[in-house]
Protein backbone atom coordinates (compact mmCIF):
# COMPACT_ATOMS: atom_id res chain seq x y z
CA MET A 1 -0.02 0.11 -0.05
CA LEU A 2 2.63 2.38 1.06
CA GLN A 3 4.25 1.46 -2.33
CA THR A 4 1.28 2.85 -4.30
CA LEU A 5 0.81 5.71 -2.57
CA ASP A 6 4.88 6.45 -3.40
CA ASN A 7 3.79 5.95 -6.90
CA GLN A 8 1.31 8.25 -6.71
CA THR A 9 3.18 11.04 -5.24
CA GLU A 10 5.56 10.79 -7.98
CA ASN A 11 2.88 11.49 -10.26
CA ILE A 12 1.76 14.60 -8.46
CA ILE A 13 1.84 17.98 -10.14
CA LYS A 14 3.18 20.74 -8.11
CA PRO A 15 1.53 23.97 -8.71
CA GLU A 16 3.16 27.04 -10.40
CA PRO A 17 5.03 29.26 -7.87
CA LEU A 18 2.22 32.44 -7.27
CA SER A 19 -0.41 30.81 -8.90
CA LYS A 20 -4.01 30.34 -7.23
CA ALA A 21 -3.19 27.13 -6.55
CA TYR A 22 0.31 27.52 -4.99
CA PHE A 23 -1.51 30.21 -2.39
CA LYS A 24 -4.07 27.91 -1.59
CA ASP A 25 -1.95 25.05 -0.49
CA TYR A 26 -0.23 27.37 1.94
CA PHE A 27 -4.02 27.98 3.09
CA LEU A 28 -4.61 24.21 3.30
CA LEU A 29 -1.36 24.11 5.30
CA SER A 30 -2.11 26.81 7.56
CA LYS A 31 -5.96 25.69 8.23
CA PHE A 32 -6.79 29.08 7.62
CA ARG A 33 -10.39 28.73 8.73
CA LEU A 34 -9.24 26.98 12.00
CA SER A 35 -7.10 29.58 12.76
CA THR A 36 -9.96 32.51 12.46
CA THR A 37 -12.03 30.96 15.09
CA VAL A 38 -9.07 30.69 17.45
CA VAL A 39 -8.38 34.11 17.09
CA GLY A 40 -12.23 34.75 17.74
CA THR A 41 -12.12 33.74 21.09
CA THR A 42 -9.05 35.48 21.57
CA LEU A 43 -10.53 38.65 20.81
CA ILE A 44 -13.82 38.31 22.48
CA ALA A 45 -11.79 37.28 25.85
CA TYR A 46 -10.08 40.75 25.13
CA PHE A 47 -13.02 42.53 24.56
CA LEU A 48 -14.38 41.53 27.53
CA GLY A 49 -11.75 42.31 29.60
CA ILE A 50 -12.14 46.00 28.05
CA TYR A 51 -15.48 46.11 29.17
CA LYS A 52 -15.09 44.31 32.82
CA ILE A 53 -12.25 46.84 33.25
CA GLY A 54 -13.59 49.84 31.95
CA ILE A 55 -11.15 51.02 29.71
CA SER A 56 -10.73 52.17 25.67
CA ILE A 57 -9.89 49.32 22.99
CA ASP A 58 -6.35 49.41 22.28
CA TRP A 59 -6.49 48.76 18.62
CA MET A 60 -2.88 48.11 18.01
CA THR A 61 -3.43 45.41 20.84
CA VAL A 62 -6.41 43.73 18.95
CA PHE A 63 -4.07 43.81 15.51
CA GLY A 64 -1.23 42.31 17.79
CA LEU A 65 -3.74 39.64 18.85
CA ALA A 66 -5.40 39.08 15.36
CA VAL A 67 -2.15 38.61 13.75
CA GLY A 68 -0.07 37.12 16.29
CA GLY A 69 -2.91 34.63 17.32
CA MET A 70 -3.24 33.42 13.54
CA PHE A 71 0.37 33.29 12.73
CA VAL A 72 1.35 31.17 15.87
CA THR A 73 -1.98 28.43 15.06
CA ALA A 74 -1.30 28.57 11.55
CA SER A 75 2.71 27.64 12.72
CA ALA A 76 1.61 24.88 14.79
CA ASN A 77 -0.86 23.33 12.29
CA GLY A 78 1.81 23.31 9.44
CA PHE A 79 4.27 21.59 11.95
CA ASN A 80 1.53 19.02 12.83
CA GLN A 81 1.01 18.43 9.12
CA ILE A 82 4.89 18.46 8.24
CA ILE A 83 5.26 15.65 11.41
CA GLU A 84 1.92 13.55 10.54
CA LYS A 85 2.24 13.59 6.52
CA ASP A 86 2.71 10.19 6.16
CA LEU A 87 -0.13 9.08 8.06
CA ASP A 88 -2.23 11.73 6.61
CA LYS A 89 -1.94 9.59 3.58
CA LEU A 90 -4.07 7.13 4.98
CA MET A 91 -6.74 9.10 5.63
CA THR A 92 -9.48 10.21 3.35
CA ARG A 93 -9.92 13.46 4.87
CA THR A 94 -6.42 14.58 4.94
CA GLN A 95 -4.33 12.34 2.09
CA GLU A 96 -4.99 15.64 -0.27
CA ARG A 97 -3.24 17.79 2.32
CA PRO A 98 0.24 19.70 0.42
CA VAL A 99 2.56 17.96 2.62
CA ALA A 100 0.99 14.43 2.52
CA ASN A 101 -0.12 14.73 -1.32
CA GLY A 102 3.30 15.98 -2.24
CA ARG A 103 2.33 18.97 -3.56
CA MET A 104 4.43 20.58 -1.15
CA SER A 105 7.93 19.64 -0.04
CA VAL A 106 8.50 19.17 3.62
CA ASN A 107 11.71 21.97 3.61
CA ASP A 108 8.97 24.80 2.32
CA ALA A 109 6.03 23.59 4.55
CA PHE A 110 9.02 24.00 7.47
CA VAL A 111 9.89 27.21 6.27
CA PHE A 112 6.56 28.40 5.97
CA SER A 113 5.61 27.46 9.67
CA MET A 114 8.76 28.43 11.29
CA VAL A 115 8.65 32.09 9.87
CA LEU A 116 5.15 32.36 10.93
CA GLY A 117 5.65 31.18 14.24
CA ILE A 118 8.73 33.66 14.89
CA LEU A 119 6.53 36.51 13.61
CA GLY A 120 2.94 35.70 15.15
CA LEU A 121 5.45 35.29 18.97
CA LEU A 122 7.20 38.77 18.31
CA ALA A 123 3.86 40.21 17.40
CA LEU A 124 2.00 39.27 20.23
CA ALA A 125 5.63 40.43 22.29
CA TYR A 126 5.49 43.55 20.79
CA TYR A 127 1.76 44.54 20.49
CA THR A 128 0.58 43.19 23.64
CA ASN A 129 3.06 41.82 26.34
CA VAL A 130 4.94 39.29 27.33
CA ASN A 131 2.45 36.81 29.08
CA CYS A 132 0.56 36.78 25.68
CA ALA A 133 4.28 35.91 23.98
CA PHE A 134 4.67 32.96 26.76
CA LEU A 135 1.42 31.79 26.63
CA GLY A 136 1.25 31.39 22.58
CA LEU A 137 5.26 29.81 22.60
CA LEU A 138 3.78 27.44 25.30
CA SER A 139 0.63 26.53 23.39
CA LEU A 140 2.92 26.07 20.09
CA LEU A 141 5.67 23.54 21.55
CA ILE A 142 2.45 21.88 23.55
CA TYR A 143 0.61 21.36 20.28
CA VAL A 144 3.52 20.41 18.12
CA LEU A 145 6.03 18.53 20.50
CA CYS A 146 3.29 16.73 22.82
CA TYR A 147 -0.12 16.49 21.56
CA THR A 148 0.73 15.93 17.74
CA PRO A 149 3.20 12.59 18.54
CA LEU A 150 1.17 11.60 21.22
CA LYS A 151 -1.94 11.00 18.85
CA LYS A 152 -0.41 7.93 17.88
CA MET A 153 0.40 6.17 21.01
CA THR A 154 -2.48 6.83 23.13
CA PRO A 155 -6.31 8.34 23.68
CA MET A 156 -5.10 10.87 26.46
CA ALA A 157 -3.36 12.69 23.60
CA VAL A 158 -6.85 14.79 23.46
CA PHE A 159 -6.37 15.59 27.17
CA VAL A 160 -3.01 17.16 26.67
CA GLY A 161 -4.52 18.85 23.39
CA ALA A 162 -6.91 20.68 25.07
CA ILE A 163 -3.93 22.60 26.79
CA PRO A 164 -3.09 24.66 23.87
CA GLY A 165 -6.71 24.36 22.75
CA ALA A 166 -7.81 26.17 25.70
CA ILE A 167 -5.11 29.26 25.87
CA PRO A 168 -6.72 31.57 23.34
CA PRO A 169 -9.33 33.28 25.76
CA ALA A 170 -6.54 33.34 28.42
CA ILE A 171 -4.11 35.24 25.60
CA GLY A 172 -6.98 37.63 25.01
CA TRP A 173 -7.81 38.26 29.02
CA GLU A 174 -4.18 38.92 29.50
CA ALA A 175 -3.45 41.57 26.89
CA VAL A 176 -5.95 43.82 28.77
CA GLY A 177 -3.71 44.00 31.64
CA GLY A 178 -0.50 44.53 30.12
CA GLY A 179 0.89 41.75 32.24
CA LEU A 180 0.70 43.97 35.51
CA LEU A 181 -2.38 43.95 36.98
CA SER A 182 -3.29 41.73 40.32
CA GLY A 183 -3.35 38.09 41.11
CA ASP A 184 -7.17 38.30 41.09
CA PHE A 185 -7.12 39.35 37.18
CA HIS A 186 -4.69 36.13 36.41
CA THR A 187 -7.60 34.17 37.98
CA ILE A 188 -9.87 34.92 35.49
CA ALA A 189 -7.65 34.22 32.83
CA PHE A 190 -7.26 30.88 34.76
CA ILE A 191 -10.80 30.28 34.64
CA LEU A 192 -11.62 31.26 30.91
CA PHE A 193 -8.88 29.12 29.97
CA SER A 194 -10.91 26.21 32.20
CA ILE A 195 -14.23 27.05 30.47
CA GLN A 196 -12.56 26.05 26.97
CA PHE A 197 -10.51 23.47 28.33
CA PHE A 198 -13.64 21.38 28.94
CA TRP A 199 -15.60 22.61 26.44
CA GLN A 200 -13.53 20.87 23.95
CA PHE A 201 -13.72 17.22 25.17
CA PRO A 202 -17.57 16.92 24.08
CA HIS A 203 -16.79 18.98 20.98
CA PHE A 204 -13.51 16.99 19.56
CA TRP A 205 -14.76 13.52 20.95
CA ALA A 206 -17.89 14.35 18.79
CA ILE A 207 -15.50 14.64 15.93
CA ALA A 208 -13.43 11.77 16.73
CA TRP A 209 -17.15 9.81 16.84
CA VAL A 210 -17.92 10.94 13.24
CA LEU A 211 -14.20 10.43 12.21
CA GLU A 212 -13.73 7.04 13.86
CA ASP A 213 -13.09 4.70 11.05
CA ASP A 214 -11.04 7.00 8.71
CA TYR A 215 -8.69 7.75 12.07
CA ARG A 216 -8.23 4.37 12.50
CA LYS A 217 -7.03 3.43 9.02
CA ALA A 218 -3.75 5.61 10.44
CA GLY A 219 -3.82 4.32 13.92
CA TYR A 220 -5.35 7.08 15.78
CA THR A 221 -7.77 6.59 18.43
CA LEU A 222 -9.09 9.80 19.96
CA LEU A 223 -12.16 8.51 21.65
CA PRO A 224 -11.90 8.19 25.09
CA ASN A 225 -10.52 4.84 24.97
CA TYR A 226 -9.33 2.12 22.25
CA ALA A 227 -12.85 0.62 22.36
CA GLY A 228 -14.45 2.95 20.11
CA ARG A 229 -17.92 3.65 19.35
CA THR A 230 -19.02 2.16 22.90
CA LYS A 231 -21.71 3.62 25.04
CA ARG A 232 -18.94 3.98 27.86
CA ASN A 233 -16.99 6.73 25.33
CA ALA A 234 -20.53 8.26 24.49
CA MET A 235 -21.17 8.64 28.47
CA GLN A 236 -17.60 10.54 28.51
CA THR A 237 -19.46 13.48 26.49
CA VAL A 238 -22.13 13.52 28.88
CA TRP A 239 -20.08 13.36 32.05
CA TYR A 240 -17.43 16.40 30.29
CA SER A 241 -20.69 18.19 29.11
CA ILE A 242 -21.96 18.39 32.87
CA MET A 243 -18.79 19.82 33.98
CA LEU A 244 -18.50 22.35 31.50
CA LEU A 245 -21.94 23.71 32.41
CA LEU A 246 -20.62 24.04 36.56
CA ILE A 247 -16.97 25.25 35.26
CA SER A 248 -18.97 28.25 33.24
CA LEU A 249 -21.24 29.08 35.80
CA TYR A 250 -18.45 29.79 38.26
CA PRO A 251 -17.82 33.30 37.29
CA ILE A 252 -21.35 34.11 38.20
CA VAL A 253 -20.82 32.33 41.41
CA ILE A 254 -17.48 34.72 42.07
CA GLY A 255 -19.24 37.62 41.05
CA PHE A 256 -17.51 37.97 37.74
CA ALA A 257 -20.87 38.35 35.66
CA GLY A 258 -24.46 38.82 36.75
CA LEU A 259 -27.38 36.92 37.17
CA TYR A 260 -28.58 37.71 33.48
CA ALA A 261 -25.89 35.76 31.78
CA LEU A 262 -28.24 32.74 32.80
CA ILE A 263 -30.25 33.76 30.13
CA ILE A 264 -27.30 32.28 27.87
CA ILE A 265 -25.53 29.98 29.76
CA VAL A 266 -28.34 27.57 30.65
CA PRO A 267 -29.91 27.00 27.66
CA CYS A 268 -26.28 26.71 25.67
CA ALA A 269 -25.25 24.24 27.88
CA GLY A 270 -28.83 22.32 27.91
CA TYR A 271 -28.93 21.64 24.36
CA VAL A 272 -25.55 20.35 24.55
CA LEU A 273 -26.04 18.56 27.14
CA PHE A 274 -29.09 17.27 25.48
CA ARG A 275 -26.73 16.26 22.31
CA ALA A 276 -24.60 14.26 24.55
CA PHE A 277 -27.59 12.52 25.86
CA GLN A 278 -28.70 11.55 22.69
CA LEU A 279 -25.41 10.41 21.39
CA TYR A 280 -25.31 8.29 24.35
CA HIS A 281 -28.90 7.07 23.64
CA LYS A 282 -28.34 6.55 19.54
CA MET A 283 -24.85 6.07 19.18
CA SER A 284 -24.92 7.36 15.91
CA VAL A 285 -22.81 9.39 13.58
CA GLU A 286 -25.45 11.54 13.09
CA SER A 287 -25.93 12.26 16.50
CA ALA A 288 -22.51 13.11 17.14
CA ARG A 289 -22.72 15.44 14.46
CA ALA A 290 -25.16 17.13 16.06
CA LEU A 291 -22.88 17.35 19.35
CA MET A 292 -20.49 18.97 17.42
CA PHE A 293 -22.51 21.79 15.73
CA ALA A 294 -23.83 22.39 19.35
CA THR A 295 -20.66 22.75 20.56
CA LEU A 296 -19.80 25.49 17.96
CA ILE A 297 -21.77 28.19 19.30
CA TYR A 298 -21.01 27.71 22.54
CA MET A 299 -17.88 29.33 23.65
CA PRO A 300 -18.68 32.41 21.71
CA ALA A 301 -22.33 32.63 23.54
CA VAL A 302 -20.81 31.76 27.04
CA LEU A 303 -17.86 33.99 26.61
CA LEU A 304 -20.48 37.42 25.26
CA SER A 305 -22.98 35.90 28.36
CA TYR A 306 -20.30 37.55 31.07
CA LEU A 307 -20.76 40.88 29.91
CA PHE A 308 -23.88 41.14 31.98
CA ASN A 309 -23.45 42.20 35.46
């Protein structure tokens, strides 16, 4: 099979430099749409901090968060595809990625990813503060050096991957204080991190349920254990949806947000929990896909709900 794949790679026609297809491959390498969603939660957290503290928006900081966050995330995605290029060839969903397909060389992808990573970290350091740059670097290193190799070894990789995935809202919040505010300010950053951390489990386990057959082709098991699509694994999405609801309510308990936030949090969390129970009951790909879409609206909605005093 590998020989067949190698023969197919030899027949790949690389796009002409600076052509539309050439730039499209770099967009695919960076996972541009995914990167924009990461930046979205970062900026929402920043504007939340601005509103809570009552200071003016610094548009250069917004620029730094947007560009820095986009570049660091794109860099991580690029390194991920370099490391997993041989495994990506085995999965239907990923076999057309530019490095796996052979349209882009490993060297070109490496240079692109390295340059974006450096520029992104410099943008965070210059336009925001050293705390944001440090968190960006930490996210990049954990994603590339820990999460990516662990995916092949253990389902626990999802827990490790949830760490860099939860850092963006903390970066947005830390950008408000310039790294100089009190410990209570940093506590809120940790709470925002925790909410996105727990959010990722029902979200990514739903994705893993949908793509389980494709993942198995490359030897991945990203559901909670190796058993695959089981009642036990479906129940894990229910438990973590409950924990997500509880941690989302904590800002109200400490007075960071008002009771009016419940108007948004309870229906959103209730819908995610309902979809998780549906997955447990029906055990179907369609139910997992419905849960995945339910989680997509959760994070921006809950972050915005904290604007209510």
